[in-house]
Amino acid sequence: VKEQTGVEKLTYVGMSSGTHTLFHSMATNPDFVDANLNLFVAMAPYLYVSEQVQEMNLFTANLAHFALRTGLCELLGIFQIADYFSVIGIFYHLLGLNFVAKTEEFMDQTVQ
């Protein structure tokens, strides 16, 4: 995104599990986050999940890596990994529901 737009730093807007993704990144790789983000907007964040299954997190991380590496994301029209590669996001996409598009429409209206 930075290469295509030419911006130095990005603004990250996450909702629900999208916030979880960046909170995890901030805790595990703060230098990367500092170098690439200027603002983090956490909408409806969740920070605690009772009895979260580590295997499911590993599965979705591996699935995202595989999909990016093989070009599967592009084939399926998936361009936002943080939103789609949560378990619920996968089901939304498979059912033809586009949660991300609704979020993008909202953000476009907000920015204007």
PDB file of N, CA and C in Angstrom:
ATOM      1  N   VAL A   1       0.836  -1.186   0.000  1.00  0.00           N
ATOM      2  CA  VAL A   1       0.000   0.000   0.000  1.00  0.00           C
ATOM      3  C   VAL A   1       0.879   1.247   0.000  1.00  0.00           C
ATOM      4  N   LYS A   2       1.915   1.232   0.830  1.00  0.00           N
ATOM      5  CA  LYS A   2       2.803   2.398   0.885  1.00  0.00           C
ATOM      6  C   LYS A   2       3.476   2.639  -0.460  1.00  0.00           C
ATOM      7  N   GLU A   3       3.877   1.576  -1.118  1.00  0.00           N
ATOM      8  CA  GLU A   3       4.537   1.708  -2.419  1.00  0.00           C
ATOM      9  C   GLU A   3       3.581   2.279  -3.461  1.00  0.00           C
ATOM     10  N   GLN A   4       2.339   1.806  -3.464  1.00  0.00           N
ATOM     11  CA  GLN A   4       1.356   2.265  -4.445  1.00  0.00           C
ATOM     12  C   GLN A   4       0.927   3.707  -4.208  1.00  0.00           C
ATOM     13  N   THR A   5       0.772   4.079  -2.944  1.00  0.00           N
ATOM     14  CA  THR A   5       0.267   5.419  -2.631  1.00  0.00           C
ATOM     15  C   THR A   5       1.367   6.453  -2.448  1.00  0.00           C
ATOM     16  N   GLY A   6       2.565   5.992  -2.118  1.00  0.00           N
ATOM     17  CA  GLY A   6       3.669   6.909  -1.890  1.00  0.00           C
ATOM     18  C   GLY A   6       3.660   7.564  -0.518  1.00  0.00           C
ATOM     19  N   VAL A   7       2.776   7.134   0.363  1.00  0.00           N
ATOM     20  CA  VAL A   7       2.744   7.712   1.708  1.00  0.00           C
ATOM     21  C   VAL A   7       3.828   7.076   2.574  1.00  0.00           C
ATOM     22  N   GLU A   8       4.272   7.833   3.568  1.00  0.00           N
ATOM     23  CA  GLU A   8       5.330   7.342   4.447  1.00  0.00           C
ATOM     24  C   GLU A   8       4.774   6.393   5.506  1.00  0.00           C
ATOM     25  N   LYS A   9       3.613   6.746   6.072  1.00  0.00           N
ATOM     26  CA  LYS A   9       2.996   5.921   7.109  1.00  0.00           C
ATOM     27  C   LYS A   9       1.504   5.792   6.834  1.00  0.00           C
ATOM     28  N   LEU A  10       0.921   4.698   7.316  1.00  0.00           N
ATOM     29  CA  LEU A  10      -0.491   4.404   7.087  1.00  0.00           C
ATOM     30  C   LEU A  10      -1.307   4.621   8.346  1.00  0.00           C
ATOM     31  N   THR A  11      -2.598   4.836   8.162  1.00  0.00           N
ATOM     32  CA  THR A  11      -3.558   4.839   9.257  1.00  0.00           C
ATOM     33  C   THR A  11      -4.276   3.506   9.222  1.00  0.00           C
ATOM     34  N   TYR A  12      -4.325   2.821  10.357  1.00  0.00           N
ATOM     35  CA  TYR A  12      -4.958   1.508  10.435  1.00  0.00           C
ATOM     36  C   TYR A  12      -6.274   1.644  11.186  1.00  0.00           C
ATOM     37  N   VAL A  13      -7.369   1.280  10.543  1.00  0.00           N
ATOM     38  CA  VAL A  13      -8.678   1.276  11.185  1.00  0.00           C
ATOM     39  C   VAL A  13      -9.091  -0.178  11.307  1.00  0.00           C
ATOM     40  N   GLY A  14      -9.224  -0.647  12.533  1.00  0.00           N
ATOM     41  CA  GLY A  14      -9.602  -2.038  12.760  1.00  0.00           C
ATOM     42  C   GLY A  14     -10.899  -2.118  13.524  1.00  0.00           C
ATOM     43  N   MET A  15     -11.652  -3.180  13.260  1.00  0.00           N
ATOM     44  CA  MET A  15     -12.892  -3.404  13.987  1.00  0.00           C
ATOM     45  C   MET A  15     -12.897  -4.831  14.507  1.00  0.00           C
ATOM     46  N   SER A  16     -13.218  -5.000  15.748  1.00  0.00           N
ATOM     47  CA  SER A  16     -13.326  -6.295  16.391  1.00  0.00           C
ATOM     48  C   SER A  16     -12.023  -7.073  16.254  1.00  0.00           C
ATOM     49  N   SER A  17     -12.015  -8.156  15.485  1.00  0.00           N
ATOM     50  CA  SER A  17     -10.794  -8.962  15.382  1.00  0.00           C
ATOM     51  C   SER A  17      -9.680  -8.219  14.658  1.00  0.00           C
ATOM     52  N   GLY A  18     -10.028  -7.230  13.849  1.00  0.00           N
ATOM     53  CA  GLY A  18      -9.003  -6.411  13.209  1.00  0.00           C
ATOM     54  C   GLY A  18      -8.202  -5.611  14.223  1.00  0.00           C
ATOM     55  N   THR A  19      -8.834  -5.239  15.334  1.00  0.00           N
ATOM     56  CA  THR A  19      -8.097  -4.551  16.390  1.00  0.00           C
ATOM     57  C   THR A  19      -7.184  -5.535  17.107  1.00  0.00           C
ATOM     58  N   HIS A  20      -7.680  -6.743  17.294  1.00  0.00           N
ATOM     59  CA  HIS A  20      -6.886  -7.787  17.946  1.00  0.00           C
ATOM     60  C   HIS A  20      -5.597  -8.026  17.172  1.00  0.00           C
ATOM     61  N   THR A  21      -5.701  -8.036  15.850  1.00  0.00           N
ATOM     62  CA  THR A  21      -4.538  -8.261  14.994  1.00  0.00           C
ATOM     63  C   THR A  21      -3.468  -7.207  15.243  1.00  0.00           C
ATOM     64  N   LEU A  22      -3.864  -5.944  15.286  1.00  0.00           N
ATOM     65  CA  LEU A  22      -2.861  -4.896  15.467  1.00  0.00           C
ATOM     66  C   LEU A  22      -2.377  -4.813  16.911  1.00  0.00           C
ATOM     67  N   PHE A  23      -3.244  -5.054  17.881  1.00  0.00           N
ATOM     68  CA  PHE A  23      -2.773  -5.086  19.268  1.00  0.00           C
ATOM     69  C   PHE A  23      -1.682  -6.144  19.415  1.00  0.00           C
ATOM     70  N   HIS A  24      -1.885  -7.296  18.785  1.00  0.00           N
ATOM     71  CA  HIS A  24      -0.881  -8.365  18.828  1.00  0.00           C
ATOM     72  C   HIS A  24       0.406  -7.905  18.148  1.00  0.00           C
ATOM     73  N   SER A  25       0.289  -7.264  16.998  1.00  0.00           N
ATOM     74  CA  SER A  25       1.477  -6.774  16.284  1.00  0.00           C
ATOM     75  C   SER A  25       2.226  -5.723  17.097  1.00  0.00           C
ATOM     76  N   MET A  26       1.487  -4.853  17.772  1.00  0.00           N
ATOM     77  CA  MET A  26       2.139  -3.820  18.579  1.00  0.00           C
ATOM     78  C   MET A  26       2.918  -4.446  19.730  1.00  0.00           C
ATOM     79  N   ALA A  27       2.394  -5.545  20.273  1.00  0.00           N
ATOM     80  CA  ALA A  27       3.060  -6.203  21.389  1.00  0.00           C
ATOM     81  C   ALA A  27       4.268  -7.015  20.938  1.00  0.00           C
ATOM     82  N   THR A  28       4.191  -7.609  19.755  1.00  0.00           N
ATOM     83  CA  THR A  28       5.252  -8.512  19.312  1.00  0.00           C
ATOM     84  C   THR A  28       6.266  -7.867  18.375  1.00  0.00           C
ATOM     85  N   ASN A  29       5.887  -6.793  17.686  1.00  0.00           N
ATOM     86  CA  ASN A  29       6.785  -6.165  16.725  1.00  0.00           C
ATOM     87  C   ASN A  29       6.585  -4.645  16.722  1.00  0.00           C
ATOM     88  N   PRO A  30       6.853  -3.999  17.852  1.00  0.00           N
ATOM     89  CA  PRO A  30       6.568  -2.563  17.960  1.00  0.00           C
ATOM     90  C   PRO A  30       7.379  -1.699  16.994  1.00  0.00           C
ATOM     91  N   ASP A  31       8.588  -2.109  16.650  1.00  0.00           N
ATOM     92  CA  ASP A  31       9.398  -1.310  15.718  1.00  0.00           C
ATOM     93  C   ASP A  31       8.759  -1.243  14.340  1.00  0.00           C
ATOM     94  N   PHE A  32       8.203  -2.361  13.874  1.00  0.00           N
ATOM     95  CA  PHE A  32       7.525  -2.390  12.577  1.00  0.00           C
ATOM     96  C   PHE A  32       6.307  -1.466  12.595  1.00  0.00           C
ATOM     97  N   VAL A  33       5.537  -1.547  13.669  1.00  0.00           N
ATOM     98  CA  VAL A  33       4.340  -0.710  13.791  1.00  0.00           C
ATOM     99  C   VAL A  33       4.734   0.767  13.827  1.00  0.00           C
ATOM    100  N   ASP A  34       5.745   1.110  14.619  1.00  0.00           N
ATOM    101  CA  ASP A  34       6.203   2.504  14.694  1.00  0.00           C
ATOM    102  C   ASP A  34       6.681   3.023  13.343  1.00  0.00           C
ATOM    103  N   ALA A  35       7.329   2.171  12.580  1.00  0.00           N
ATOM    104  CA  ALA A  35       7.882   2.593  11.294  1.00  0.00           C
ATOM    105  C   ALA A  35       6.823   2.741  10.209  1.00  0.00           C
ATOM    106  N   ASN A  36       5.678   2.056  10.365  1.00  0.00           N
ATOM    107  CA  ASN A  36       4.714   2.007   9.266  1.00  0.00           C
ATOM    108  C   ASN A  36       3.354   2.626   9.546  1.00  0.00           C
ATOM    109  N   LEU A  37       3.020   2.889  10.804  1.00  0.00           N
ATOM    110  CA  LEU A  37       1.694   3.428  11.121  1.00  0.00           C
ATOM    111  C   LEU A  37       1.798   4.777  11.812  1.00  0.00           C
ATOM    112  N   ASN A  38       0.885   5.677  11.445  1.00  0.00           N
ATOM    113  CA  ASN A  38       0.830   6.971  12.124  1.00  0.00           C
ATOM    114  C   ASN A  38      -0.357   7.064  13.077  1.00  0.00           C
ATOM    115  N   LEU A  39      -1.355   6.194  12.880  1.00  0.00           N
ATOM    116  CA  LEU A  39      -2.556   6.238  13.708  1.00  0.00           C
ATOM    117  C   LEU A  39      -3.224   4.873  13.702  1.00  0.00           C
ATOM    118  N   PHE A  40      -3.744   4.471  14.845  1.00  0.00           N
ATOM    119  CA  PHE A  40      -4.489   3.223  14.979  1.00  0.00           C
ATOM    120  C   PHE A  40      -5.851   3.563  15.563  1.00  0.00           C
ATOM    121  N   VAL A  41      -6.909   3.279  14.815  1.00  0.00           N
ATOM    122  CA  VAL A  41      -8.275   3.497  15.278  1.00  0.00           C
ATOM    123  C   VAL A  41      -8.867   2.134  15.588  1.00  0.00           C
ATOM    124  N   ALA A  42      -9.186   1.890  16.860  1.00  0.00           N
ATOM    125  CA  ALA A  42      -9.719   0.602  17.295  1.00  0.00           C
ATOM    126  C   ALA A  42     -11.219   0.745  17.533  1.00  0.00           C
ATOM    127  N   MET A  43     -12.018   0.226  16.601  1.00  0.00           N
ATOM    128  CA  MET A  43     -13.475   0.283  16.732  1.00  0.00           C
ATOM    129  C   MET A  43     -13.970  -1.065  17.247  1.00  0.00           C
ATOM    130  N   ALA A  44     -14.759  -1.035  18.286  1.00  0.00           N
ATOM    131  CA  ALA A  44     -15.318  -2.241  18.896  1.00  0.00           C
ATOM    132  C   ALA A  44     -14.232  -3.266  19.181  1.00  0.00           C
ATOM    133  N   PRO A  45     -13.171  -2.841  19.892  1.00  0.00           N
ATOM    134  CA  PRO A  45     -12.084  -3.800  20.116  1.00  0.00           C
ATOM    135  C   PRO A  45     -12.461  -4.867  21.130  1.00  0.00           C
ATOM    136  N   TYR A  46     -11.893  -6.025  20.941  1.00  0.00           N
ATOM    137  CA  TYR A  46     -11.975  -7.024  21.989  1.00  0.00           C
ATOM    138  C   TYR A  46     -10.557  -7.369  22.384  1.00  0.00           C
ATOM    139  N   LEU A  47     -10.309  -7.416  23.655  1.00  0.00           N
ATOM    140  CA  LEU A  47      -8.960  -7.673  24.139  1.00  0.00           C
ATOM    141  C   LEU A  47      -8.874  -8.955  24.942  1.00  0.00           C
ATOM    142  N   TYR A  48      -9.991  -9.573  25.226  1.00  0.00           N
ATOM    143  CA  TYR A  48      -9.980 -10.794  26.017  1.00  0.00           C
ATOM    144  C   TYR A  48     -10.961 -11.772  25.398  1.00  0.00           C
ATOM    145  N   VAL A  49     -10.491 -12.971  25.151  1.00  0.00           N
ATOM    146  CA  VAL A  49     -11.355 -14.017  24.625  1.00  0.00           C
ATOM    147  C   VAL A  49     -11.211 -15.208  25.547  1.00  0.00           C
ATOM    148  N   SER A  50     -12.280 -15.562  26.202  1.00  0.00           N
ATOM    149  CA  SER A  50     -12.248 -16.688  27.124  1.00  0.00           C
ATOM    150  C   SER A  50     -12.009 -17.984  26.366  1.00  0.00           C
ATOM    151  N   GLU A  51     -11.060 -18.760  26.844  1.00  0.00           N
ATOM    152  CA  GLU A  51     -10.760 -20.081  26.286  1.00  0.00           C
ATOM    153  C   GLU A  51     -10.485 -20.037  24.785  1.00  0.00           C
ATOM    154  N   GLN A  52      -9.757 -19.034  24.353  1.00  0.00           N
ATOM    155  CA  GLN A  52      -9.401 -18.938  22.938  1.00  0.00           C
ATOM    156  C   GLN A  52      -8.498 -20.109  22.582  1.00  0.00           C
ATOM    157  N   VAL A  53      -8.767 -20.725  21.458  1.00  0.00           N
ATOM    158  CA  VAL A  53      -8.045 -21.923  21.061  1.00  0.00           C
ATOM    159  C   VAL A  53      -6.826 -21.533  20.228  1.00  0.00           C
ATOM    160  N   GLN A  54      -5.644 -21.864  20.721  1.00  0.00           N
ATOM    161  CA  GLN A  54      -4.408 -21.513  20.041  1.00  0.00           C
ATOM    162  C   GLN A  54      -4.320 -22.163  18.664  1.00  0.00           C
ATOM    163  N   GLU A  55      -4.833 -23.374  18.531  1.00  0.00           N
ATOM    164  CA  GLU A  55      -4.772 -24.064  17.249  1.00  0.00           C
ATOM    165  C   GLU A  55      -5.548 -23.309  16.169  1.00  0.00           C
ATOM    166  N   MET A  56      -6.679 -22.695  16.530  1.00  0.00           N
ATOM    167  CA  MET A  56      -7.464 -21.939  15.555  1.00  0.00           C
ATOM    168  C   MET A  56      -6.689 -20.706  15.094  1.00  0.00           C
ATOM    169  N   ASN A  57      -6.012 -20.044  16.017  1.00  0.00           N
ATOM    170  CA  ASN A  57      -5.186 -18.895  15.635  1.00  0.00           C
ATOM    171  C   ASN A  57      -4.068 -19.317  14.696  1.00  0.00           C
ATOM    172  N   LEU A  58      -3.433 -20.437  14.999  1.00  0.00           N
ATOM    173  CA  LEU A  58      -2.361 -20.945  14.148  1.00  0.00           C
ATOM    174  C   LEU A  58      -2.901 -21.322  12.776  1.00  0.00           C
ATOM    175  N   PHE A  59      -4.079 -21.945  12.745  1.00  0.00           N
ATOM    176  CA  PHE A  59      -4.695 -22.335  11.474  1.00  0.00           C
ATOM    177  C   PHE A  59      -4.973 -21.113  10.602  1.00  0.00           C
ATOM    178  N   THR A  60      -5.590 -20.082  11.170  1.00  0.00           N
ATOM    179  CA  THR A  60      -5.927 -18.908  10.358  1.00  0.00           C
ATOM    180  C   THR A  60      -4.675 -18.165   9.909  1.00  0.00           C
ATOM    181  N   ALA A  61      -3.645 -18.132  10.760  1.00  0.00           N
ATOM    182  CA  ALA A  61      -2.389 -17.489  10.357  1.00  0.00           C
ATOM    183  C   ALA A  61      -1.747 -18.252   9.199  1.00  0.00           C
ATOM    184  N   ASN A  62      -1.735 -19.577   9.292  1.00  0.00           N
ATOM    185  CA  ASN A  62      -1.170 -20.392   8.212  1.00  0.00           C
ATOM    186  C   ASN A  62      -1.997 -20.270   6.939  1.00  0.00           C
ATOM    187  N   LEU A  63      -3.312 -20.210   7.078  1.00  0.00           N
ATOM    188  CA  LEU A  63      -4.188 -20.059   5.920  1.00  0.00           C
ATOM    189  C   LEU A  63      -3.928 -18.725   5.222  1.00  0.00           C
ATOM    190  N   ALA A  64      -3.777 -17.671   6.001  1.00  0.00           N
ATOM    191  CA  ALA A  64      -3.498 -16.356   5.417  1.00  0.00           C
ATOM    192  C   ALA A  64      -2.160 -16.363   4.690  1.00  0.00           C
ATOM    193  N   HIS A  65      -1.155 -16.960   5.312  1.00  0.00           N
ATOM    194  CA  HIS A  65       0.170 -17.033   4.677  1.00  0.00           C
ATOM    195  C   HIS A  65       0.100 -17.819   3.367  1.00  0.00           C
ATOM    196  N   PHE A  66      -0.583 -18.958   3.396  1.00  0.00           N
ATOM    197  CA  PHE A  66      -0.726 -19.787   2.192  1.00  0.00           C
ATOM    198  C   PHE A  66      -1.458 -19.018   1.094  1.00  0.00           C
ATOM    199  N   ALA A  67      -2.541 -18.352   1.464  1.00  0.00           N
ATOM    200  CA  ALA A  67      -3.353 -17.632   0.477  1.00  0.00           C
ATOM    201  C   ALA A  67      -2.569 -16.495  -0.164  1.00  0.00           C
ATOM    202  N   LEU A  68      -1.765 -15.804   0.616  1.00  0.00           N
ATOM    203  CA  LEU A  68      -0.943 -14.725   0.066  1.00  0.00           C
ATOM    204  C   LEU A  68       0.150 -15.274  -0.844  1.00  0.00           C
ATOM    205  N   ARG A  69       0.794 -16.338  -0.387  1.00  0.00           N
ATOM    206  CA  ARG A  69       1.933 -16.897  -1.121  1.00  0.00           C
ATOM    207  C   ARG A  69       1.518 -17.498  -2.456  1.00  0.00           C
ATOM    208  N   THR A  70       0.349 -18.103  -2.515  1.00  0.00           N
ATOM    209  CA  THR A  70      -0.079 -18.803  -3.728  1.00  0.00           C
ATOM    210  C   THR A  70      -0.914 -17.943  -4.667  1.00  0.00           C
ATOM    211  N   GLY A  71      -1.275 -16.744  -4.254  1.00  0.00           N
ATOM    212  CA  GLY A  71      -2.116 -15.900  -5.104  1.00  0.00           C
ATOM    213  C   GLY A  71      -3.596 -16.198  -4.942  1.00  0.00           C
ATOM    214  N   LEU A  72      -3.949 -17.034  -3.973  1.00  0.00           N
ATOM    215  CA  LEU A  72      -5.344 -17.392  -3.743  1.00  0.00           C
ATOM    216  C   LEU A  72      -6.180 -16.170  -3.372  1.00  0.00           C
ATOM    217  N   CYS A  73      -5.602 -15.258  -2.610  1.00  0.00           N
ATOM    218  CA  CYS A  73      -6.342 -14.044  -2.221  1.00  0.00           C
ATOM    219  C   CYS A  73      -6.791 -13.269  -3.449  1.00  0.00           C
ATOM    220  N   GLU A  74      -5.875 -13.070  -4.380  1.00  0.00           N
ATOM    221  CA  GLU A  74      -6.210 -12.319  -5.588  1.00  0.00           C
ATOM    222  C   GLU A  74      -7.285 -13.045  -6.389  1.00  0.00           C
ATOM    223  N   LEU A  75      -7.165 -14.364  -6.485  1.00  0.00           N
ATOM    224  CA  LEU A  75      -8.146 -15.161  -7.217  1.00  0.00           C
ATOM    225  C   LEU A  75      -9.543 -15.028  -6.611  1.00  0.00           C
ATOM    226  N   LEU A  76      -9.617 -15.008  -5.283  1.00  0.00           N
ATOM    227  CA  LEU A  76     -10.904 -14.919  -4.591  1.00  0.00           C
ATOM    228  C   LEU A  76     -11.381 -13.483  -4.407  1.00  0.00           C
ATOM    229  N   GLY A  77     -10.565 -12.517  -4.780  1.00  0.00           N
ATOM    230  CA  GLY A  77     -10.952 -11.118  -4.618  1.00  0.00           C
ATOM    231  C   GLY A  77     -10.804 -10.630  -3.196  1.00  0.00           C
ATOM    232  N   ILE A  78      -9.884 -11.223  -2.455  1.00  0.00           N
ATOM    233  CA  ILE A  78      -9.645 -10.832  -1.067  1.00  0.00           C
ATOM    234  C   ILE A  78      -8.414  -9.938  -1.037  1.00  0.00           C
ATOM    235  N   PHE A  79      -8.575  -8.732  -0.519  1.00  0.00           N
ATOM    236  CA  PHE A  79      -7.462  -7.798  -0.494  1.00  0.00           C
ATOM    237  C   PHE A  79      -7.185  -7.260   0.904  1.00  0.00           C
ATOM    238  N   GLN A  80      -7.954  -7.695   1.901  1.00  0.00           N
ATOM    239  CA  GLN A  80      -7.738  -7.235   3.266  1.00  0.00           C
ATOM    240  C   GLN A  80      -7.690  -8.447   4.183  1.00  0.00           C
ATOM    241  N   ILE A  81      -6.492  -8.906   4.435  1.00  0.00           N
ATOM    242  CA  ILE A  81      -6.296 -10.135   5.188  1.00  0.00           C
ATOM    243  C   ILE A  81      -6.844 -10.033   6.604  1.00  0.00           C
ATOM    244  N   ALA A  82      -6.620  -8.935   7.284  1.00  0.00           N
ATOM    245  CA  ALA A  82      -7.039  -8.829   8.676  1.00  0.00           C
ATOM    246  C   ALA A  82      -8.537  -9.022   8.833  1.00  0.00           C
ATOM    247  N   ASP A  83      -9.328  -8.568   7.870  1.00  0.00           N
ATOM    248  CA  ASP A  83     -10.771  -8.720   7.971  1.00  0.00           C
ATOM    249  C   ASP A  83     -11.239 -10.105   7.560  1.00  0.00           C
ATOM    250  N   TYR A  84     -10.662 -10.645   6.505  1.00  0.00           N
ATOM    251  CA  TYR A  84     -11.169 -11.899   5.981  1.00  0.00           C
ATOM    252  C   TYR A  84     -10.640 -13.125   6.699  1.00  0.00           C
ATOM    253  N   PHE A  85      -9.419 -13.099   7.186  1.00  0.00           N
ATOM    254  CA  PHE A  85      -8.871 -14.312   7.750  1.00  0.00           C
ATOM    255  C   PHE A  85      -9.086 -14.419   9.244  1.00  0.00           C
ATOM    256  N   SER A  86     -10.228 -13.988   9.680  1.00  0.00           N
ATOM    257  CA  SER A  86     -10.757 -14.405  10.959  1.00  0.00           C
ATOM    258  C   SER A  86     -11.772 -15.469  10.576  1.00  0.00           C
ATOM    259  N   VAL A  87     -12.139 -16.312  11.485  1.00  0.00           N
ATOM    260  CA  VAL A  87     -13.076 -17.389  11.156  1.00  0.00           C
ATOM    261  C   VAL A  87     -14.378 -16.823  10.618  1.00  0.00           C
ATOM    262  N   ILE A  88     -14.907 -15.793  11.258  1.00  0.00           N
ATOM    263  CA  ILE A  88     -16.161 -15.195  10.807  1.00  0.00           C
ATOM    264  C   ILE A  88     -15.981 -14.554   9.439  1.00  0.00           C
ATOM    265  N   GLY A  89     -14.843 -13.904   9.213  1.00  0.00           N
ATOM    266  CA  GLY A  89     -14.580 -13.284   7.924  1.00  0.00           C
ATOM    267  C   GLY A  89     -14.576 -14.277   6.784  1.00  0.00           C
ATOM    268  N   ILE A  90     -14.026 -15.464   7.024  1.00  0.00           N
ATOM    269  CA  ILE A  90     -14.016 -16.507   5.995  1.00  0.00           C
ATOM    270  C   ILE A  90     -15.444 -16.889   5.642  1.00  0.00           C
ATOM    271  N   PHE A  91     -16.293 -17.079   6.650  1.00  0.00           N
ATOM    272  CA  PHE A  91     -17.685 -17.450   6.387  1.00  0.00           C
ATOM    273  C   PHE A  91     -18.425 -16.337   5.657  1.00  0.00           C
ATOM    274  N   TYR A  92     -18.181 -15.085   6.039  1.00  0.00           N
ATOM    275  CA  TYR A  92     -18.793 -13.961   5.325  1.00  0.00           C
ATOM    276  C   TYR A  92     -18.455 -14.037   3.846  1.00  0.00           C
ATOM    277  N   HIS A  93     -17.175 -14.251   3.557  1.00  0.00           N
ATOM    278  CA  HIS A  93     -16.746 -14.276   2.157  1.00  0.00           C
ATOM    279  C   HIS A  93     -17.353 -15.463   1.417  1.00  0.00           C
ATOM    280  N   LEU A  94     -17.351 -16.637   2.031  1.00  0.00           N
ATOM    281  CA  LEU A  94     -17.895 -17.827   1.376  1.00  0.00           C
ATOM    282  C   LEU A  94     -19.392 -17.701   1.113  1.00  0.00           C
ATOM    283  N   LEU A  95     -20.087 -16.964   1.963  1.00  0.00           N
ATOM    284  CA  LEU A  95     -21.526 -16.759   1.783  1.00  0.00           C
ATOM    285  C   LEU A  95     -21.828 -15.600   0.832  1.00  0.00           C
ATOM    286  N   GLY A  96     -20.789 -14.957   0.344  1.00  0.00           N
ATOM    287  CA  GLY A  96     -20.989 -13.854  -0.593  1.00  0.00           C
ATOM    288  C   GLY A  96     -21.324 -12.541   0.086  1.00  0.00           C
ATOM    289  N   LEU A  97     -21.143 -12.475   1.390  1.00  0.00           N
ATOM    290  CA  LEU A  97     -21.411 -11.241   2.119  1.00  0.00           C
ATOM    291  C   LEU A  97     -20.128 -10.434   2.164  1.00  0.00           C
ATOM    292  N   ASN A  98     -20.210  -9.149   1.921  1.00  0.00           N
ATOM    293  CA  ASN A  98     -19.004  -8.340   1.858  1.00  0.00           C
ATOM    294  C   ASN A  98     -18.990  -7.332   2.989  1.00  0.00           C
ATOM    295  N   PHE A  99     -18.599  -7.786   4.153  1.00  0.00           N
ATOM    296  CA  PHE A  99     -18.514  -6.929   5.332  1.00  0.00           C
ATOM    297  C   PHE A  99     -17.507  -5.802   5.116  1.00  0.00           C
ATOM    298  N   VAL A 100     -16.396  -6.116   4.467  1.00  0.00           N
ATOM    299  CA  VAL A 100     -15.347  -5.120   4.264  1.00  0.00           C
ATOM    300  C   VAL A 100     -15.829  -3.985   3.380  1.00  0.00           C
ATOM    301  N   ALA A 101     -16.585  -4.297   2.330  1.00  0.00           N
ATOM    302  CA  ALA A 101     -17.087  -3.247   1.439  1.00  0.00           C
ATOM    303  C   ALA A 101     -17.963  -2.273   2.214  1.00  0.00           C
ATOM    304  N   LYS A 102     -18.801  -2.793   3.094  1.00  0.00           N
ATOM    305  CA  LYS A 102     -19.652  -1.911   3.896  1.00  0.00           C
ATOM    306  C   LYS A 102     -18.783  -1.006   4.768  1.00  0.00           C
ATOM    307  N   THR A 103     -17.734  -1.567   5.353  1.00  0.00           N
ATOM    308  CA  THR A 103     -16.833  -0.777   6.179  1.00  0.00           C
ATOM    309  C   THR A 103     -16.141   0.284   5.342  1.00  0.00           C
ATOM    310  N   GLU A 104     -15.695  -0.076   4.128  1.00  0.00           N
ATOM    311  CA  GLU A 104     -15.024   0.885   3.262  1.00  0.00           C
ATOM    312  C   GLU A 104     -15.967   2.002   2.836  1.00  0.00           C
ATOM    313  N   GLU A 105     -17.238   1.667   2.544  1.00  0.00           N
ATOM    314  CA  GLU A 105     -18.216   2.694   2.189  1.00  0.00           C
ATOM    315  C   GLU A 105     -18.378   3.678   3.343  1.00  0.00           C
ATOM    316  N   PHE A 106     -18.470   3.152   4.554  1.00  0.00           N
ATOM    317  CA  PHE A 106     -18.607   3.994   5.737  1.00  0.00           C
ATOM    318  C   PHE A 106     -17.398   4.916   5.886  1.00  0.00           C
ATOM    319  N   MET A 107     -16.198   4.348   5.724  1.00  0.00           N
ATOM    320  CA  MET A 107     -14.988   5.142   5.881  1.00  0.00           C
ATOM    321  C   MET A 107     -14.875   6.198   4.786  1.00  0.00           C
ATOM    322  N   ASP A 108     -15.259   5.850   3.550  1.00  0.00           N
ATOM    323  CA  ASP A 108     -15.226   6.824   2.460  1.00  0.00           C
ATOM    324  C   ASP A 108     -16.136   8.010   2.769  1.00  0.00           C
ATOM    325  N   GLN A 109     -17.322   7.728   3.298  1.00  0.00           N
ATOM    326  CA  GLN A 109     -18.257   8.797   3.638  1.00  0.00           C
ATOM    327  C   GLN A 109     -17.718   9.638   4.790  1.00  0.00           C
ATOM    328  N   THR A 110     -17.052   8.979   5.733  1.00  0.00           N
ATOM    329  CA  THR A 110     -16.511   9.684   6.890  1.00  0.00           C
ATOM    330  C   THR A 110     -15.372  10.604   6.488  1.00  0.00           C
ATOM    331  N   VAL A 111     -14.501  10.120   5.600  1.00  0.00           N
ATOM    332  CA  VAL A 111     -13.340  10.905   5.174  1.00  0.00           C
ATOM    333  C   VAL A 111     -13.766  12.116   4.366  1.00  0.00           C
ATOM    334  N   GLN A 112     -14.804  11.981   3.540  1.00  0.00           N
ATOM    335  CA  GLN A 112     -15.275  13.099   2.727  1.00  0.00           C
ATOM    336  C   GLN A 112     -15.907  14.111   3.631  1.00  0.00           C
TER     337      GLN A 112
END
